Amino acid sequence: MRRFIITLFSIILVILQLYLSPVISIAGYAPDFVLILLAVLSARESLATLLITGVAAGAVIDLTTAGGTFINTAVYFIGALICALHRYIQIKGAGFLNASVYAFISAAAKYFIIMFALYIVKIETGLSLIIFFANIPAMIYSALAAVPFYELFELISKFKFMREEKEDRVIMSSPFFK
């Protein structure tokens, strides 16, 4: 049941990224729903789940919007690695705050990487931090938008419908899956 919830939540947020994000932009700044997804999942899920979700969502977005450049795939992979730090660096008892902080940090990493990517593919003539600093409102927007999605995910995760009792007590031998 947990995997079904993650899959359904991922599909919904990728669709929101593709269709709703451009519509709800404020002054050209829109939240990044895939980074919000990774920040929300980071509290409960393993590194493997985060990496697979980030790469799959990035590939879907690249194939549907960017024409196969796969820059978003790399960005969301790095975003998943940043969100995986949630297990080690967090504020106990403030999950929504952790999700907001990691959404902000992941968005900052995204725009930092995009700054270099635009220079490498010769879209920008000079390497400038203006691209990074100009997107600070988008980072804040993503951090604020992470709070309701975190609360929604926590609410959905509490349902015990169609769940086996042994599902929460599975022991994995590798720390990669913990």
C-alpha atoms as a PDB file:
ATOM      1  CA  MET A   1       0.000   0.000   0.000  1.00  0.00           C
ATOM      2  CA  ARG A   2       2.857   2.360   0.767  1.00  0.00           C
ATOM      3  CA  ARG A   3       4.318   1.961  -2.733  1.00  0.00           C
ATOM      4  CA  PHE A   4       0.889   2.575  -4.240  1.00  0.00           C
ATOM      5  CA  ILE A   5       0.543   5.817  -2.265  1.00  0.00           C
ATOM      6  CA  ILE A   6       4.025   6.949  -3.340  1.00  0.00           C
ATOM      7  CA  THR A   7       3.305   6.118  -6.986  1.00  0.00           C
ATOM      8  CA  LEU A   8      -0.044   7.897  -6.967  1.00  0.00           C
ATOM      9  CA  PHE A   9       1.401  10.926  -5.166  1.00  0.00           C
ATOM     10  CA  SER A  10       4.318  11.033  -7.635  1.00  0.00           C
ATOM     11  CA  ILE A  11       2.033  10.900 -10.669  1.00  0.00           C
ATOM     12  CA  ILE A  12      -0.149  13.675  -9.283  1.00  0.00           C
ATOM     13  CA  LEU A  13       2.802  15.959  -8.520  1.00  0.00           C
ATOM     14  CA  VAL A  14       4.455  15.355 -11.913  1.00  0.00           C
ATOM     15  CA  ILE A  15       1.158  16.266 -13.601  1.00  0.00           C
ATOM     16  CA  LEU A  16       0.991  19.373 -11.404  1.00  0.00           C
ATOM     17  CA  GLN A  17       4.555  20.232 -12.450  1.00  0.00           C
ATOM     18  CA  LEU A  18       3.683  19.928 -16.128  1.00  0.00           C
ATOM     19  CA  TYR A  19       0.277  21.611 -16.190  1.00  0.00           C
ATOM     20  CA  LEU A  20      -0.381  23.612 -13.019  1.00  0.00           C
ATOM     21  CA  SER A  21       3.049  25.067 -12.308  1.00  0.00           C
ATOM     22  CA  PRO A  22       3.033  27.480 -15.285  1.00  0.00           C
ATOM     23  CA  VAL A  23      -0.527  28.542 -14.460  1.00  0.00           C
ATOM     24  CA  ILE A  24       0.055  29.451 -10.804  1.00  0.00           C
ATOM     25  CA  SER A  25       3.304  31.288 -11.382  1.00  0.00           C
ATOM     26  CA  ILE A  26       3.617  34.640  -9.651  1.00  0.00           C
ATOM     27  CA  ALA A  27       5.644  37.190 -11.645  1.00  0.00           C
ATOM     28  CA  GLY A  28       7.149  34.330 -13.634  1.00  0.00           C
ATOM     29  CA  TYR A  29       8.182  32.298 -10.578  1.00  0.00           C
ATOM     30  CA  ALA A  30       6.557  28.905 -10.123  1.00  0.00           C
ATOM     31  CA  PRO A  31       6.975  26.186  -7.504  1.00  0.00           C
ATOM     32  CA  ASP A  32       8.818  23.036  -8.494  1.00  0.00           C
ATOM     33  CA  PHE A  33       6.467  20.195  -7.617  1.00  0.00           C
ATOM     34  CA  VAL A  34       9.036  17.452  -8.263  1.00  0.00           C
ATOM     35  CA  LEU A  35      11.405  18.954  -5.695  1.00  0.00           C
ATOM     36  CA  ILE A  36       8.443  19.275  -3.343  1.00  0.00           C
ATOM     37  CA  LEU A  37       7.725  15.575  -3.927  1.00  0.00           C
ATOM     38  CA  LEU A  38      11.314  14.652  -3.095  1.00  0.00           C
ATOM     39  CA  ALA A  39      11.306  16.840   0.021  1.00  0.00           C
ATOM     40  CA  VAL A  40       8.038  15.299   1.227  1.00  0.00           C
ATOM     41  CA  LEU A  41       9.195  11.728   0.580  1.00  0.00           C
ATOM     42  CA  SER A  42      12.559  12.295   2.243  1.00  0.00           C
ATOM     43  CA  ALA A  43      11.101  12.063   5.744  1.00  0.00           C
ATOM     44  CA  ARG A  44       9.910   8.473   5.389  1.00  0.00           C
ATOM     45  CA  GLU A  45      11.499   6.871   2.369  1.00  0.00           C
ATOM     46  CA  SER A  46      14.863   5.315   1.630  1.00  0.00           C
ATOM     47  CA  LEU A  47      17.638   6.684  -0.530  1.00  0.00           C
ATOM     48  CA  ALA A  48      16.798   4.190  -3.272  1.00  0.00           C
ATOM     49  CA  THR A  49      13.179   5.364  -3.401  1.00  0.00           C
ATOM     50  CA  LEU A  50      14.249   9.003  -3.568  1.00  0.00           C
ATOM     51  CA  LEU A  51      16.791   8.392  -6.325  1.00  0.00           C
ATOM     52  CA  ILE A  52      14.421   6.315  -8.442  1.00  0.00           C
ATOM     53  CA  THR A  53      11.628   8.857  -7.987  1.00  0.00           C
ATOM     54  CA  GLY A  54      13.897  11.781  -8.848  1.00  0.00           C
ATOM     55  CA  VAL A  55      15.373  10.161 -11.957  1.00  0.00           C
ATOM     56  CA  ALA A  56      12.015   8.870 -13.196  1.00  0.00           C
ATOM     57  CA  ALA A  57      10.241  12.192 -12.669  1.00  0.00           C
ATOM     58  CA  GLY A  58      13.118  14.084 -14.279  1.00  0.00           C
ATOM     59  CA  ALA A  59      13.112  11.762 -17.284  1.00  0.00           C
ATOM     60  CA  VAL A  60       9.350  12.138 -17.713  1.00  0.00           C
ATOM     61  CA  ILE A  61       9.607  15.923 -17.588  1.00  0.00           C
ATOM     62  CA  ASP A  62      12.595  15.974 -19.940  1.00  0.00           C
ATOM     63  CA  LEU A  63      10.939  13.696 -22.474  1.00  0.00           C
ATOM     64  CA  THR A  64       7.672  15.638 -22.460  1.00  0.00           C
ATOM     65  CA  THR A  65       8.926  19.221 -22.310  1.00  0.00           C
ATOM     66  CA  ALA A  66      12.646  19.585 -22.975  1.00  0.00           C
ATOM     67  CA  GLY A  67      12.993  17.236 -25.915  1.00  0.00           C
ATOM     68  CA  GLY A  68      15.463  14.838 -24.342  1.00  0.00           C
ATOM     69  CA  THR A  69      18.245  17.076 -22.996  1.00  0.00           C
ATOM     70  CA  PHE A  70      18.049  15.282 -19.621  1.00  0.00           C
ATOM     71  CA  ILE A  71      19.225  18.315 -17.658  1.00  0.00           C
ATOM     72  CA  ASN A  72      16.175  17.990 -15.398  1.00  0.00           C
ATOM     73  CA  THR A  73      17.003  14.337 -14.771  1.00  0.00           C
ATOM     74  CA  ALA A  74      20.420  15.312 -13.429  1.00  0.00           C
ATOM     75  CA  VAL A  75      18.935  18.191 -11.437  1.00  0.00           C
ATOM     76  CA  TYR A  76      16.309  15.982  -9.787  1.00  0.00           C
ATOM     77  CA  PHE A  77      18.894  13.258  -9.120  1.00  0.00           C
ATOM     78  CA  ILE A  78      21.014  15.782  -7.220  1.00  0.00           C
ATOM     79  CA  GLY A  79      17.854  17.104  -5.552  1.00  0.00           C
ATOM     80  CA  ALA A  80      17.108  13.556  -4.363  1.00  0.00           C
ATOM     81  CA  LEU A  81      20.612  13.251  -2.935  1.00  0.00           C
ATOM     82  CA  ILE A  82      20.164  16.543  -1.090  1.00  0.00           C
ATOM     83  CA  CYS A  83      16.789  15.452   0.267  1.00  0.00           C
ATOM     84  CA  ALA A  84      18.352  12.176   1.430  1.00  0.00           C
ATOM     85  CA  LEU A  85      20.280  14.230   3.981  1.00  0.00           C
ATOM     86  CA  HIS A  86      16.957  14.558   5.793  1.00  0.00           C
ATOM     87  CA  ARG A  87      17.721  11.354   7.670  1.00  0.00           C
ATOM     88  CA  TYR A  88      20.893  12.850   9.127  1.00  0.00           C
ATOM     89  CA  ILE A  89      20.171  16.570   9.476  1.00  0.00           C
ATOM     90  CA  GLN A  90      16.682  17.394  10.675  1.00  0.00           C
ATOM     91  CA  ILE A  91      14.651  19.139  13.319  1.00  0.00           C
ATOM     92  CA  LYS A  92      12.884  16.501  15.396  1.00  0.00           C
ATOM     93  CA  GLY A  93       9.109  16.849  15.493  1.00  0.00           C
ATOM     94  CA  ALA A  94       8.902  19.530  12.798  1.00  0.00           C
ATOM     95  CA  GLY A  95       8.437  17.524   9.618  1.00  0.00           C
ATOM     96  CA  PHE A  96       6.749  20.309   7.697  1.00  0.00           C
ATOM     97  CA  LEU A  97       9.659  22.627   8.486  1.00  0.00           C
ATOM     98  CA  ASN A  98      12.157  19.991   7.358  1.00  0.00           C
ATOM     99  CA  ALA A  99      10.238  19.505   4.103  1.00  0.00           C
ATOM    100  CA  SER A 100      10.255  23.265   3.508  1.00  0.00           C
ATOM    101  CA  VAL A 101      13.969  23.588   4.206  1.00  0.00           C
ATOM    102  CA  TYR A 102      14.868  20.695   1.928  1.00  0.00           C
ATOM    103  CA  ALA A 103      12.580  21.985  -0.834  1.00  0.00           C
ATOM    104  CA  PHE A 104      14.367  25.347  -0.575  1.00  0.00           C
ATOM    105  CA  ILE A 105      17.858  23.814  -0.582  1.00  0.00           C
ATOM    106  CA  SER A 106      16.993  21.513  -3.499  1.00  0.00           C
ATOM    107  CA  ALA A 107      15.578  24.440  -5.470  1.00  0.00           C
ATOM    108  CA  ALA A 108      18.736  26.438  -4.737  1.00  0.00           C
ATOM    109  CA  ALA A 109      20.849  23.540  -6.030  1.00  0.00           C
ATOM    110  CA  LYS A 110      18.613  23.323  -9.103  1.00  0.00           C
ATOM    111  CA  TYR A 111      19.132  26.959 -10.050  1.00  0.00           C
ATOM    112  CA  PHE A 112      22.836  26.752  -9.278  1.00  0.00           C
ATOM    113  CA  ILE A 113      23.169  23.779 -11.650  1.00  0.00           C
ATOM    114  CA  ILE A 114      21.032  25.479 -14.289  1.00  0.00           C
ATOM    115  CA  MET A 115      23.319  28.506 -14.103  1.00  0.00           C
ATOM    116  CA  PHE A 116      26.235  26.294 -15.191  1.00  0.00           C
ATOM    117  CA  ALA A 117      24.154  24.333 -17.709  1.00  0.00           C
ATOM    118  CA  LEU A 118      23.076  27.501 -19.525  1.00  0.00           C
ATOM    119  CA  TYR A 119      26.691  28.577 -19.785  1.00  0.00           C
ATOM    120  CA  ILE A 120      27.907  25.175 -20.980  1.00  0.00           C
ATOM    121  CA  VAL A 121      25.331  24.903 -23.778  1.00  0.00           C
ATOM    122  CA  LYS A 122      26.126  28.503 -24.799  1.00  0.00           C
ATOM    123  CA  ILE A 123      22.682  29.943 -24.059  1.00  0.00           C
ATOM    124  CA  GLU A 124      24.280  32.431 -21.676  1.00  0.00           C
ATOM    125  CA  THR A 125      27.486  34.163 -22.740  1.00  0.00           C
ATOM    126  CA  GLY A 126      28.875  34.600 -19.238  1.00  0.00           C
ATOM    127  CA  LEU A 127      28.691  32.683 -16.007  1.00  0.00           C
ATOM    128  CA  SER A 128      26.665  34.961 -13.763  1.00  0.00           C
ATOM    129  CA  LEU A 129      25.176  34.579 -10.313  1.00  0.00           C
ATOM    130  CA  ILE A 130      22.320  36.833 -11.397  1.00  0.00           C
ATOM    131  CA  ILE A 131      20.504  33.749 -12.717  1.00  0.00           C
ATOM    132  CA  PHE A 132      20.800  32.169  -9.284  1.00  0.00           C
ATOM    133  CA  PHE A 133      19.798  35.248  -7.281  1.00  0.00           C
ATOM    134  CA  ALA A 134      16.940  36.101  -9.635  1.00  0.00           C
ATOM    135  CA  ASN A 135      15.287  32.778  -8.784  1.00  0.00           C
ATOM    136  CA  ILE A 136      15.268  33.199  -4.996  1.00  0.00           C
ATOM    137  CA  PRO A 137      11.496  33.959  -5.076  1.00  0.00           C
ATOM    138  CA  ALA A 138      10.942  30.626  -6.857  1.00  0.00           C
ATOM    139  CA  MET A 139      12.949  28.876  -4.135  1.00  0.00           C
ATOM    140  CA  ILE A 140      10.836  30.500  -1.420  1.00  0.00           C
ATOM    141  CA  TYR A 141       7.643  29.670  -3.339  1.00  0.00           C
ATOM    142  CA  SER A 142       8.669  25.992  -3.524  1.00  0.00           C
ATOM    143  CA  ALA A 143       9.488  25.957   0.192  1.00  0.00           C
ATOM    144  CA  LEU A 144       6.110  27.436   1.132  1.00  0.00           C
ATOM    145  CA  ALA A 145       4.236  25.138  -1.251  1.00  0.00           C
ATOM    146  CA  ALA A 146       5.877  22.080   0.346  1.00  0.00           C
ATOM    147  CA  VAL A 147       3.983  22.497   3.638  1.00  0.00           C
ATOM    148  CA  PRO A 148       0.453  21.537   2.462  1.00  0.00           C
ATOM    149  CA  PHE A 149       1.803  18.640   0.398  1.00  0.00           C
ATOM    150  CA  TYR A 150       3.724  17.340   3.403  1.00  0.00           C
ATOM    151  CA  GLU A 151       0.612  17.469   5.565  1.00  0.00           C
ATOM    152  CA  LEU A 152      -1.443  15.778   2.823  1.00  0.00           C
ATOM    153  CA  PHE A 153       1.127  13.000   2.450  1.00  0.00           C
ATOM    154  CA  GLU A 154       1.220  12.458   6.213  1.00  0.00           C
ATOM    155  CA  LEU A 155      -2.579  12.295   6.310  1.00  0.00           C
ATOM    156  CA  ILE A 156      -2.741   9.775   3.458  1.00  0.00           C
ATOM    157  CA  SER A 157       0.070   7.694   4.971  1.00  0.00           C
ATOM    158  CA  LYS A 158      -1.870   7.238   8.221  1.00  0.00           C
ATOM    159  CA  PHE A 159      -4.665   5.303   6.514  1.00  0.00           C
ATOM    160  CA  LYS A 160      -4.486   1.578   7.267  1.00  0.00           C
ATOM    161  CA  PHE A 161      -6.627   0.547   4.296  1.00  0.00           C
ATOM    162  CA  MET A 162      -5.380  -2.599   2.469  1.00  0.00           C
ATOM    163  CA  ARG A 163      -2.142  -2.694   4.460  1.00  0.00           C
ATOM    164  CA  GLU A 164      -0.505  -5.828   5.710  1.00  0.00           C
ATOM    165  CA  GLU A 165       0.681  -5.676   9.280  1.00  0.00           C
ATOM    166  CA  LYS A 166       4.173  -6.876   8.388  1.00  0.00           C
ATOM    167  CA  GLU A 167       4.732  -4.129   5.821  1.00  0.00           C
ATOM    168  CA  ASP A 168       6.105  -1.599   8.290  1.00  0.00           C
ATOM    169  CA  ARG A 169       8.462  -4.112   9.900  1.00  0.00           C
ATOM    170  CA  VAL A 170      10.427  -5.308   6.876  1.00  0.00           C
ATOM    171  CA  ILE A 171      14.126  -5.713   7.590  1.00  0.00           C
ATOM    172  CA  MET A 172      16.518  -4.942   4.765  1.00  0.00           C
ATOM    173  CA  SER A 173      20.098  -6.134   4.911  1.00  0.00           C
ATOM    174  CA  SER A 174      21.649  -3.168   3.141  1.00  0.00           C
ATOM    175  CA  PRO A 175      21.799   0.386   4.546  1.00  0.00           C
ATOM    176  CA  PHE A 176      21.004   1.614   1.005  1.00  0.00           C
ATOM    177  CA  PHE A 177      17.367   0.637   1.556  1.00  0.00           C
ATOM    178  CA  LYS A 178      17.016   2.051   5.064  1.00  0.00           C
END
